[in-house]
N, C-alpha and C. Protein backbone atom coordinates (compact mmCIF):
# COMPACT_ATOMS: atom_id res chain seq x y z
N MET A 1 105.79 95.95 68.15
CA MET A 1 105.74 95.60 66.73
C MET A 1 105.86 94.16 66.62
N SER A 2 105.09 93.59 65.65
CA SER A 2 105.18 92.06 65.50
C SER A 2 106.20 91.72 64.49
N ALA A 3 106.60 90.51 64.50
CA ALA A 3 107.62 90.05 63.53
C ALA A 3 107.21 90.01 62.10
N ALA A 4 105.82 89.98 61.86
CA ALA A 4 105.20 90.04 60.59
C ALA A 4 105.43 91.27 59.82
N THR A 5 105.37 92.39 60.66
CA THR A 5 105.53 93.75 59.94
C THR A 5 107.02 93.97 59.60
N LEU A 6 107.96 93.37 60.23
CA LEU A 6 109.28 93.57 59.99
C LEU A 6 109.71 92.67 58.80
N SER A 7 109.06 91.54 58.59
CA SER A 7 109.49 90.64 57.54
C SER A 7 108.69 90.94 56.21
N SER A 8 107.75 91.83 56.21
CA SER A 8 107.08 92.12 54.89
C SER A 8 107.87 92.81 53.91
N PRO A 9 107.89 92.37 52.59
CA PRO A 9 108.76 93.09 51.68
C PRO A 9 108.29 94.51 51.33
N VAL A 10 109.21 95.41 51.12
CA VAL A 10 108.91 96.80 50.76
C VAL A 10 109.00 96.75 49.19
N THR A 11 107.83 96.82 48.58
CA THR A 11 107.80 96.74 47.10
C THR A 11 107.53 98.05 46.42
N LYS A 12 107.02 99.08 47.03
CA LYS A 12 106.77 100.36 46.43
C LYS A 12 108.06 101.13 46.05
N SER A 13 109.11 100.79 46.70
CA SER A 13 110.39 101.58 46.45
C SER A 13 111.15 100.92 45.30
N GLY A 14 110.82 99.75 44.86
CA GLY A 14 111.56 99.17 43.78
C GLY A 14 112.52 98.11 44.31
N TYR A 15 112.41 97.85 45.60
CA TYR A 15 113.37 96.89 46.30
C TYR A 15 112.56 95.87 47.10
N VAL A 16 113.13 94.75 47.13
CA VAL A 16 112.66 93.65 48.02
C VAL A 16 113.81 93.44 48.96
N GLY A 17 113.67 93.78 50.25
CA GLY A 17 114.74 93.82 51.08
C GLY A 17 115.86 94.73 50.68
N LEU A 18 117.06 94.24 50.49
CA LEU A 18 118.19 95.09 49.89
C LEU A 18 118.39 94.89 48.39
N LYS A 19 117.62 94.07 47.75
CA LYS A 19 117.91 93.78 46.32
C LYS A 19 116.89 94.49 45.45
N PRO A 20 117.37 95.15 44.25
CA PRO A 20 116.38 95.78 43.48
C PRO A 20 115.50 94.78 42.62
N ILE A 21 114.26 95.27 42.48
CA ILE A 21 113.31 94.39 41.72
C ILE A 21 113.74 94.38 40.26
N THR A 22 113.97 95.53 39.70
CA THR A 22 114.29 95.63 38.25
C THR A 22 115.62 96.01 38.07
N PRO A 23 116.25 95.53 36.91
CA PRO A 23 117.60 95.87 36.67
C PRO A 23 117.74 97.30 36.19
N LYS A 24 116.70 97.99 35.87
CA LYS A 24 116.76 99.37 35.34
C LYS A 24 117.29 100.41 36.38
N LEU A 25 117.16 100.00 37.68
CA LEU A 25 117.54 100.97 38.67
C LEU A 25 119.13 101.08 38.65
N CYS A 26 119.80 100.01 38.37
CA CYS A 26 121.23 100.00 38.30
C CYS A 26 121.65 99.41 36.87
N PRO A 27 121.76 100.23 35.90
CA PRO A 27 122.11 99.78 34.56
C PRO A 27 123.49 99.13 34.70
N SER A 28 123.77 98.26 33.76
CA SER A 28 125.11 97.59 33.69
C SER A 28 126.12 98.70 33.34
N LYS A 29 127.31 98.54 33.86
CA LYS A 29 128.42 99.49 33.73
C LYS A 29 129.01 99.49 32.29
N ASP A 30 128.54 98.52 31.39
CA ASP A 30 128.95 98.42 30.11
C ASP A 30 128.14 99.36 29.17
N SER A 31 127.04 99.84 29.60
CA SER A 31 126.15 100.57 28.80
C SER A 31 126.75 101.96 28.48
N ILE A 32 126.35 102.54 27.40
CA ILE A 32 126.78 103.93 27.02
C ILE A 32 126.22 105.00 27.92
N ALA A 33 124.99 104.78 28.17
CA ALA A 33 124.22 105.79 29.13
C ALA A 33 124.94 105.77 30.41
N TRP A 34 125.37 104.70 31.06
CA TRP A 34 126.02 104.69 32.31
C TRP A 34 127.37 105.41 32.27
N SER A 35 128.13 105.24 31.22
CA SER A 35 129.45 105.90 31.16
C SER A 35 129.32 107.28 30.98
N ARG A 36 128.36 107.88 30.34
CA ARG A 36 128.11 109.28 30.18
C ARG A 36 127.76 110.03 31.49
N LYS A 37 127.09 109.22 32.41
CA LYS A 37 126.69 109.80 33.64
C LYS A 37 127.69 109.89 34.79
N THR A 38 128.74 109.09 34.62
CA THR A 38 129.70 108.84 35.71
C THR A 38 130.87 109.67 35.45
N ILE A 39 131.63 110.01 36.52
CA ILE A 39 132.85 110.72 36.43
C ILE A 39 134.01 109.88 36.52
N SER A 40 135.04 110.09 35.64
CA SER A 40 136.24 109.27 35.85
C SER A 40 137.39 110.32 35.86
N ASN A 41 138.60 109.72 36.10
CA ASN A 41 139.80 110.54 36.10
C ASN A 41 140.48 110.47 34.78
N GLY A 42 139.87 109.99 33.72
CA GLY A 42 140.35 109.84 32.39
C GLY A 42 140.33 111.04 31.63
N SER A 43 140.67 111.02 30.44
CA SER A 43 140.75 112.24 29.59
C SER A 43 139.37 112.87 29.24
N LYS A 44 138.34 112.15 29.45
CA LYS A 44 137.00 112.76 29.13
C LYS A 44 136.62 113.70 30.18
N THR A 45 137.21 113.80 31.26
CA THR A 45 136.86 114.79 32.33
C THR A 45 137.45 116.08 32.11
N HIS A 46 136.73 117.16 32.00
CA HIS A 46 137.28 118.52 31.74
C HIS A 46 137.04 119.40 32.88
N CYS A 47 137.98 120.11 33.30
CA CYS A 47 137.83 120.98 34.53
C CYS A 47 138.09 122.32 34.01
N MET A 48 137.56 123.31 34.74
CA MET A 48 137.75 124.75 34.43
C MET A 48 138.93 125.22 35.28
N LYS A 49 139.79 125.97 34.75
CA LYS A 49 140.91 126.56 35.44
C LYS A 49 140.48 127.78 36.13
N THR A 50 140.55 127.87 37.54
CA THR A 50 139.98 129.01 38.18
C THR A 50 141.04 130.03 38.78
N TRP A 51 142.23 129.56 38.98
CA TRP A 51 143.23 130.38 39.66
C TRP A 51 144.64 129.94 39.22
N ASN A 52 145.53 130.86 38.89
CA ASN A 52 146.87 130.58 38.46
C ASN A 52 147.75 130.71 39.69
N PRO A 53 148.26 129.59 40.17
CA PRO A 53 149.19 129.67 41.38
C PRO A 53 150.55 130.10 41.11
N ILE A 54 150.95 130.22 39.92
CA ILE A 54 152.43 130.70 39.61
C ILE A 54 152.50 132.17 39.80
N ASN A 55 153.41 132.58 40.78
CA ASN A 55 153.64 134.00 41.04
C ASN A 55 152.29 134.70 41.48
N ASN A 56 151.43 134.00 42.05
CA ASN A 56 150.08 134.56 42.36
C ASN A 56 149.77 133.90 43.77
N LYS A 57 150.07 134.66 44.74
CA LYS A 57 149.86 134.12 46.15
C LYS A 57 148.36 134.24 46.45
N LYS A 58 147.86 133.13 47.05
CA LYS A 58 146.45 133.04 47.42
C LYS A 58 146.38 133.54 48.92
N PHE A 59 145.54 134.45 49.13
CA PHE A 59 145.44 135.10 50.52
C PHE A 59 144.22 134.62 51.31
N GLU A 60 143.19 135.26 51.07
CA GLU A 60 142.02 135.00 51.87
C GLU A 60 140.88 134.56 50.98
N THR A 61 139.59 134.55 51.45
CA THR A 61 138.46 134.01 50.88
C THR A 61 138.21 134.58 49.45
N LEU A 62 138.38 135.86 49.23
CA LEU A 62 138.02 136.49 47.95
C LEU A 62 139.23 136.91 47.13
N SER A 63 140.37 136.11 47.36
CA SER A 63 141.65 136.56 46.81
C SER A 63 141.72 136.22 45.23
N TYR A 64 140.87 135.37 44.71
CA TYR A 64 140.87 135.07 43.33
C TYR A 64 140.10 136.07 42.52
N LEU A 65 139.44 137.00 43.20
CA LEU A 65 138.72 138.12 42.50
C LEU A 65 139.57 139.26 42.26
N PRO A 66 139.17 140.15 41.38
CA PRO A 66 139.95 141.53 41.24
C PRO A 66 139.80 142.19 42.57
N PRO A 67 140.76 143.25 42.76
CA PRO A 67 140.57 143.98 44.02
C PRO A 67 139.09 144.56 44.20
N LEU A 68 138.72 144.42 45.46
CA LEU A 68 137.36 144.93 45.85
C LEU A 68 137.18 146.36 45.80
N SER A 69 136.08 146.74 45.29
CA SER A 69 135.89 148.23 45.33
C SER A 69 135.40 148.68 46.71
N ASP A 70 135.29 150.01 46.94
CA ASP A 70 134.92 150.38 48.35
C ASP A 70 133.43 149.90 48.52
N ASP A 71 132.66 150.01 47.42
CA ASP A 71 131.17 149.53 47.70
C ASP A 71 131.11 148.01 48.02
N SER A 72 132.00 147.24 47.43
CA SER A 72 132.02 145.77 47.78
C SER A 72 132.49 145.63 49.21
N ILE A 73 133.49 146.35 49.55
CA ILE A 73 133.98 146.24 50.93
C ILE A 73 132.85 146.63 51.90
N VAL A 74 132.13 147.72 51.60
CA VAL A 74 131.06 148.22 52.52
C VAL A 74 130.02 147.04 52.62
N LYS A 75 129.75 146.36 51.50
CA LYS A 75 128.75 145.28 51.62
C LYS A 75 129.27 144.06 52.48
N GLU A 76 130.47 143.80 52.30
CA GLU A 76 131.08 142.68 53.08
C GLU A 76 131.09 143.02 54.60
N ILE A 77 131.41 144.27 54.90
CA ILE A 77 131.46 144.83 56.32
C ILE A 77 130.06 144.81 56.80
N ASP A 78 129.15 145.28 56.12
CA ASP A 78 127.67 145.33 56.39
C ASP A 78 127.25 143.88 56.74
N TYR A 79 127.66 142.86 55.92
CA TYR A 79 127.25 141.48 56.26
C TYR A 79 127.83 141.05 57.59
N MET A 80 129.08 141.40 57.90
CA MET A 80 129.70 141.04 59.14
C MET A 80 128.86 141.63 60.27
N LEU A 81 128.59 142.90 60.26
CA LEU A 81 127.87 143.55 61.27
C LEU A 81 126.41 142.89 61.54
N LYS A 82 125.76 142.67 60.37
CA LYS A 82 124.43 142.01 60.52
C LYS A 82 124.53 140.67 61.18
N LYS A 83 125.59 140.00 61.03
CA LYS A 83 125.83 138.61 61.73
C LYS A 83 126.26 138.81 63.14
N GLY A 84 126.52 140.03 63.58
CA GLY A 84 126.93 140.22 64.86
C GLY A 84 128.40 139.91 65.17
N TRP A 85 129.18 139.93 64.07
CA TRP A 85 130.67 139.64 64.19
C TRP A 85 131.34 140.99 64.49
N VAL A 86 132.64 140.89 64.95
CA VAL A 86 133.38 141.99 65.30
C VAL A 86 134.43 142.21 64.16
N PRO A 87 134.48 143.40 63.45
CA PRO A 87 135.44 143.61 62.46
C PRO A 87 136.89 144.02 63.02
N CYS A 88 137.87 143.63 62.44
CA CYS A 88 139.20 143.87 62.80
C CYS A 88 140.13 144.01 61.61
N LEU A 89 141.07 144.97 61.68
CA LEU A 89 142.02 145.13 60.53
C LEU A 89 143.43 144.68 60.99
N GLU A 90 144.06 144.01 60.11
CA GLU A 90 145.50 143.52 60.26
C GLU A 90 146.27 143.99 58.99
N PHE A 91 147.60 144.06 59.29
CA PHE A 91 148.46 144.40 58.19
C PHE A 91 149.78 143.62 58.26
N ASP A 92 150.47 143.48 57.15
CA ASP A 92 151.70 142.73 57.22
C ASP A 92 152.54 143.03 55.92
N GLU A 93 153.84 143.32 56.13
CA GLU A 93 154.69 143.67 54.94
C GLU A 93 154.73 142.43 53.92
N LYS A 94 155.03 141.28 54.43
CA LYS A 94 155.16 140.16 53.58
C LYS A 94 153.73 139.62 53.11
N GLY A 95 153.02 139.43 53.96
CA GLY A 95 151.46 138.94 53.68
C GLY A 95 151.26 137.59 53.42
N TYR A 96 152.24 136.65 53.53
CA TYR A 96 151.94 135.24 53.33
C TYR A 96 152.79 134.36 54.28
N VAL A 97 152.43 133.13 54.47
CA VAL A 97 153.04 132.19 55.36
C VAL A 97 154.14 131.45 54.57
N ASP A 98 155.28 131.23 55.28
CA ASP A 98 156.41 130.40 54.66
C ASP A 98 157.09 129.77 55.83
N ARG A 99 158.18 128.96 55.39
CA ARG A 99 158.87 128.19 56.44
C ARG A 99 160.37 128.52 56.33
N GLU A 100 160.67 129.81 56.40
CA GLU A 100 161.97 130.29 56.18
C GLU A 100 162.97 129.94 57.23
N ASN A 101 162.48 130.15 58.55
CA ASN A 101 163.48 129.94 59.72
C ASN A 101 163.54 128.55 60.22
N SER A 102 162.54 127.69 60.05
CA SER A 102 162.51 126.32 60.59
C SER A 102 161.66 125.41 59.75
N ARG A 103 162.10 124.13 59.63
CA ARG A 103 161.30 123.18 58.89
C ARG A 103 160.61 122.20 59.74
N ILE A 104 160.55 122.49 61.07
CA ILE A 104 159.78 121.54 61.98
C ILE A 104 158.38 121.48 61.67
N PRO A 105 157.66 120.46 61.95
CA PRO A 105 156.19 120.44 61.70
C PRO A 105 155.49 121.45 62.49
N GLY A 106 154.58 122.12 61.96
CA GLY A 106 153.66 122.98 62.57
C GLY A 106 154.24 124.37 62.86
N TYR A 107 155.49 124.61 62.46
CA TYR A 107 156.15 126.00 62.54
C TYR A 107 156.03 126.72 61.16
N TYR A 108 155.52 127.85 61.19
CA TYR A 108 155.42 128.72 60.03
C TYR A 108 155.70 130.16 60.34
N ASP A 109 156.41 130.75 59.53
CA ASP A 109 156.65 132.35 59.64
C ASP A 109 155.55 132.97 59.01
N GLY A 110 155.15 134.20 59.46
CA GLY A 110 154.17 134.90 58.85
C GLY A 110 152.75 134.48 59.08
N ARG A 111 152.53 133.65 60.08
CA ARG A 111 151.24 133.21 60.41
C ARG A 111 150.34 134.28 60.94
N TYR A 112 150.93 135.06 61.77
CA TYR A 112 150.23 136.09 62.46
C TYR A 112 150.53 137.45 61.88
N TRP A 113 149.57 138.32 61.54
CA TRP A 113 149.75 139.61 61.06
C TRP A 113 149.60 140.60 62.28
N THR A 114 150.13 141.84 62.03
CA THR A 114 150.08 142.91 63.00
C THR A 114 148.63 143.47 63.13
N LEU A 115 148.14 143.50 64.33
CA LEU A 115 146.73 144.15 64.50
C LEU A 115 146.76 145.67 64.41
N TRP A 116 145.86 146.09 63.59
CA TRP A 116 145.73 147.59 63.46
C TRP A 116 144.75 148.02 64.56
N LYS A 117 145.30 148.74 65.51
CA LYS A 117 144.52 149.11 66.75
C LYS A 117 143.82 147.87 67.35
N LEU A 118 142.73 148.03 68.04
CA LEU A 118 141.99 146.95 68.78
C LEU A 118 140.82 146.54 67.79
N PRO A 119 140.35 145.30 67.98
CA PRO A 119 139.17 144.90 67.26
C PRO A 119 138.07 145.98 67.53
N MET A 120 137.19 146.16 66.59
CA MET A 120 136.09 147.11 66.67
C MET A 120 134.94 146.74 67.37
N PHE A 121 135.05 146.43 68.69
CA PHE A 121 133.83 145.98 69.40
C PHE A 121 132.83 147.18 69.39
N GLY A 122 131.60 146.79 69.23
CA GLY A 122 130.47 147.85 69.39
C GLY A 122 130.36 148.56 68.12
N CYS A 123 131.15 148.25 66.99
CA CYS A 123 130.92 148.88 65.74
C CYS A 123 129.62 148.61 65.13
N SER A 124 128.94 149.60 64.67
CA SER A 124 127.51 149.41 64.14
C SER A 124 127.42 149.97 62.76
N ASP A 125 128.43 150.68 62.28
CA ASP A 125 128.32 151.28 60.95
C ASP A 125 129.58 150.99 60.10
N PRO A 126 129.34 150.52 58.86
CA PRO A 126 130.52 150.22 57.96
C PRO A 126 131.42 151.40 57.71
N SER A 127 130.92 152.58 57.90
CA SER A 127 131.77 153.76 57.65
C SER A 127 132.89 153.89 58.70
N GLN A 128 132.61 153.40 59.89
CA GLN A 128 133.63 153.36 60.98
C GLN A 128 134.80 152.56 60.57
N VAL A 129 134.52 151.35 59.96
CA VAL A 129 135.51 150.47 59.50
C VAL A 129 136.22 151.02 58.28
N LEU A 130 135.61 151.68 57.45
CA LEU A 130 136.14 152.34 56.22
C LEU A 130 137.10 153.42 56.71
N ASN A 131 136.76 154.20 57.64
CA ASN A 131 137.70 155.29 58.24
C ASN A 131 138.94 154.63 58.77
N GLU A 132 138.84 153.53 59.50
CA GLU A 132 140.05 152.89 60.06
C GLU A 132 140.94 152.37 58.92
N MET A 133 140.21 151.71 57.91
CA MET A 133 140.81 151.22 56.78
C MET A 133 141.65 152.21 56.00
N GLU A 134 141.18 153.47 55.78
CA GLU A 134 141.87 154.49 55.22
C GLU A 134 143.10 154.97 55.94
N GLU A 135 142.91 155.12 57.30
CA GLU A 135 144.01 155.48 58.14
C GLU A 135 145.13 154.43 58.06
N CYS A 136 144.78 153.15 57.99
CA CYS A 136 145.77 152.00 57.90
C CYS A 136 146.46 152.14 56.55
N LYS A 137 145.79 152.44 55.41
CA LYS A 137 146.37 152.53 54.24
C LYS A 137 147.37 153.67 54.16
N LYS A 138 146.96 154.79 54.81
CA LYS A 138 147.93 155.98 54.84
C LYS A 138 149.19 155.69 55.62
N ALA A 139 148.97 154.97 56.76
CA ALA A 139 150.18 154.68 57.63
C ALA A 139 151.04 153.64 56.93
N TYR A 140 150.50 152.66 56.30
CA TYR A 140 151.37 151.54 55.68
C TYR A 140 150.88 151.35 54.23
N PRO A 141 151.37 152.30 53.34
CA PRO A 141 150.91 152.12 51.91
C PRO A 141 151.54 150.85 51.11
N ASN A 142 152.54 150.35 51.58
CA ASN A 142 153.22 149.24 51.01
C ASN A 142 153.09 147.93 51.75
N ALA A 143 151.93 147.82 52.47
CA ALA A 143 151.69 146.58 53.22
C ALA A 143 150.36 145.93 52.67
N TYR A 144 150.30 144.63 53.02
CA TYR A 144 149.02 143.96 52.81
C TYR A 144 148.15 144.29 53.96
N ILE A 145 146.86 144.61 53.69
CA ILE A 145 145.90 144.80 54.68
C ILE A 145 144.66 143.95 54.50
N ARG A 146 144.21 143.35 55.59
CA ARG A 146 143.01 142.45 55.48
C ARG A 146 142.10 142.78 56.63
N CYS A 147 140.81 142.55 56.30
CA CYS A 147 139.69 142.78 57.31
C CYS A 147 139.25 141.34 57.76
N LEU A 148 139.17 141.23 59.03
CA LEU A 148 138.71 139.96 59.64
C LEU A 148 137.35 140.20 60.38
N ALA A 149 136.69 139.11 60.61
CA ALA A 149 135.42 139.04 61.31
C ALA A 149 135.58 138.00 62.39
N PHE A 150 135.37 138.36 63.59
CA PHE A 150 135.37 137.50 64.74
C PHE A 150 134.03 137.31 65.36
N ASP A 151 133.72 136.12 65.67
CA ASP A 151 132.44 135.81 66.33
C ASP A 151 132.81 135.62 67.82
N ASN A 152 132.38 136.58 68.65
CA ASN A 152 132.80 136.65 70.00
C ASN A 152 131.98 135.61 70.84
N SER A 153 130.88 135.14 70.39
CA SER A 153 130.26 134.06 71.09
C SER A 153 130.92 132.61 70.81
N ARG A 154 131.35 132.40 69.73
CA ARG A 154 132.00 131.12 69.30
C ARG A 154 133.48 131.15 69.54
N GLN A 155 134.09 132.44 69.67
CA GLN A 155 135.45 132.65 69.86
C GLN A 155 136.23 132.16 68.70
N CYS A 156 135.91 132.55 67.40
CA CYS A 156 136.61 132.17 66.31
C CYS A 156 136.55 133.19 65.29
N GLN A 157 137.45 133.12 64.26
CA GLN A 157 137.43 133.94 63.11
C GLN A 157 136.51 133.38 62.13
N CYS A 158 135.63 134.11 61.56
CA CYS A 158 134.51 133.63 60.71
C CYS A 158 134.72 134.02 59.27
N MET A 159 135.53 135.16 59.07
CA MET A 159 135.66 135.72 57.74
C MET A 159 136.93 136.50 57.62
N ALA A 160 137.46 136.54 56.36
CA ALA A 160 138.68 137.44 56.28
C ALA A 160 138.76 137.64 54.71
N PHE A 161 139.22 138.91 54.38
CA PHE A 161 139.44 139.15 52.94
C PHE A 161 140.48 140.32 52.92
N ILE A 162 141.24 140.31 51.83
CA ILE A 162 142.28 141.28 51.49
C ILE A 162 141.62 142.61 51.08
N ILE A 163 142.07 143.70 51.70
CA ILE A 163 141.67 145.03 51.36
C ILE A 163 142.62 145.73 50.41
N GLN A 164 144.02 145.50 50.61
CA GLN A 164 144.94 146.11 49.92
C GLN A 164 146.14 145.14 49.71
N LYS A 165 146.67 145.18 48.53
CA LYS A 165 147.91 144.45 48.19
C LYS A 165 148.91 145.56 47.72
N PRO A 166 150.13 145.49 48.19
CA PRO A 166 151.07 146.55 47.73
C PRO A 166 151.34 146.52 46.19
N GLN A 167 151.71 147.63 45.66
CA GLN A 167 152.03 147.66 44.18
C GLN A 167 153.16 146.83 43.93
N THR A 168 154.29 146.99 44.77
CA THR A 168 155.48 146.14 44.55
C THR A 168 155.50 145.05 45.75
N THR A 169 155.51 143.85 45.23
CA THR A 169 155.56 142.76 46.27
C THR A 169 156.95 142.30 46.43
N THR A 170 157.18 141.74 47.58
CA THR A 170 158.46 141.11 47.94
C THR A 170 158.55 139.64 47.63
N ALA A 171 157.49 139.13 47.14
CA ALA A 171 157.41 137.73 46.85
C ALA A 171 158.22 137.22 45.64
């Protein structure tokens, strides 16, 4: 490439070098139109309240929604299976993470839940997961139950959602 091609101005984009040709591309910040298009932390910014954190523990991905119906759970499990992920059920009496026994950095109680049987390797039908889910609900009616999805090729958890919250919580 010659030096002439690198030094020629780019005029079709509204710029010569790094400077704009017309001031219309960057209006002055004092204009009314500019202030309506920008976001500020002032009182003109309105946000929508999405979740009440007071006495309302946040659990997994879909915890801000009402409890999932069996049809919704089947759709989520079907999505897992189509992605090739391995479904797994876990349960816990408390259901949330806290720092009751120690305040050292990185230590949390309740980080790990108890595994319900083994992960369902080779599962191909959502009804198999629903059957295990019903067995877990019968065995632990006052426990939090969640469904997880593991990707065995990337060795990570890809998805999790709460299936059951107990009627009386200990929180």
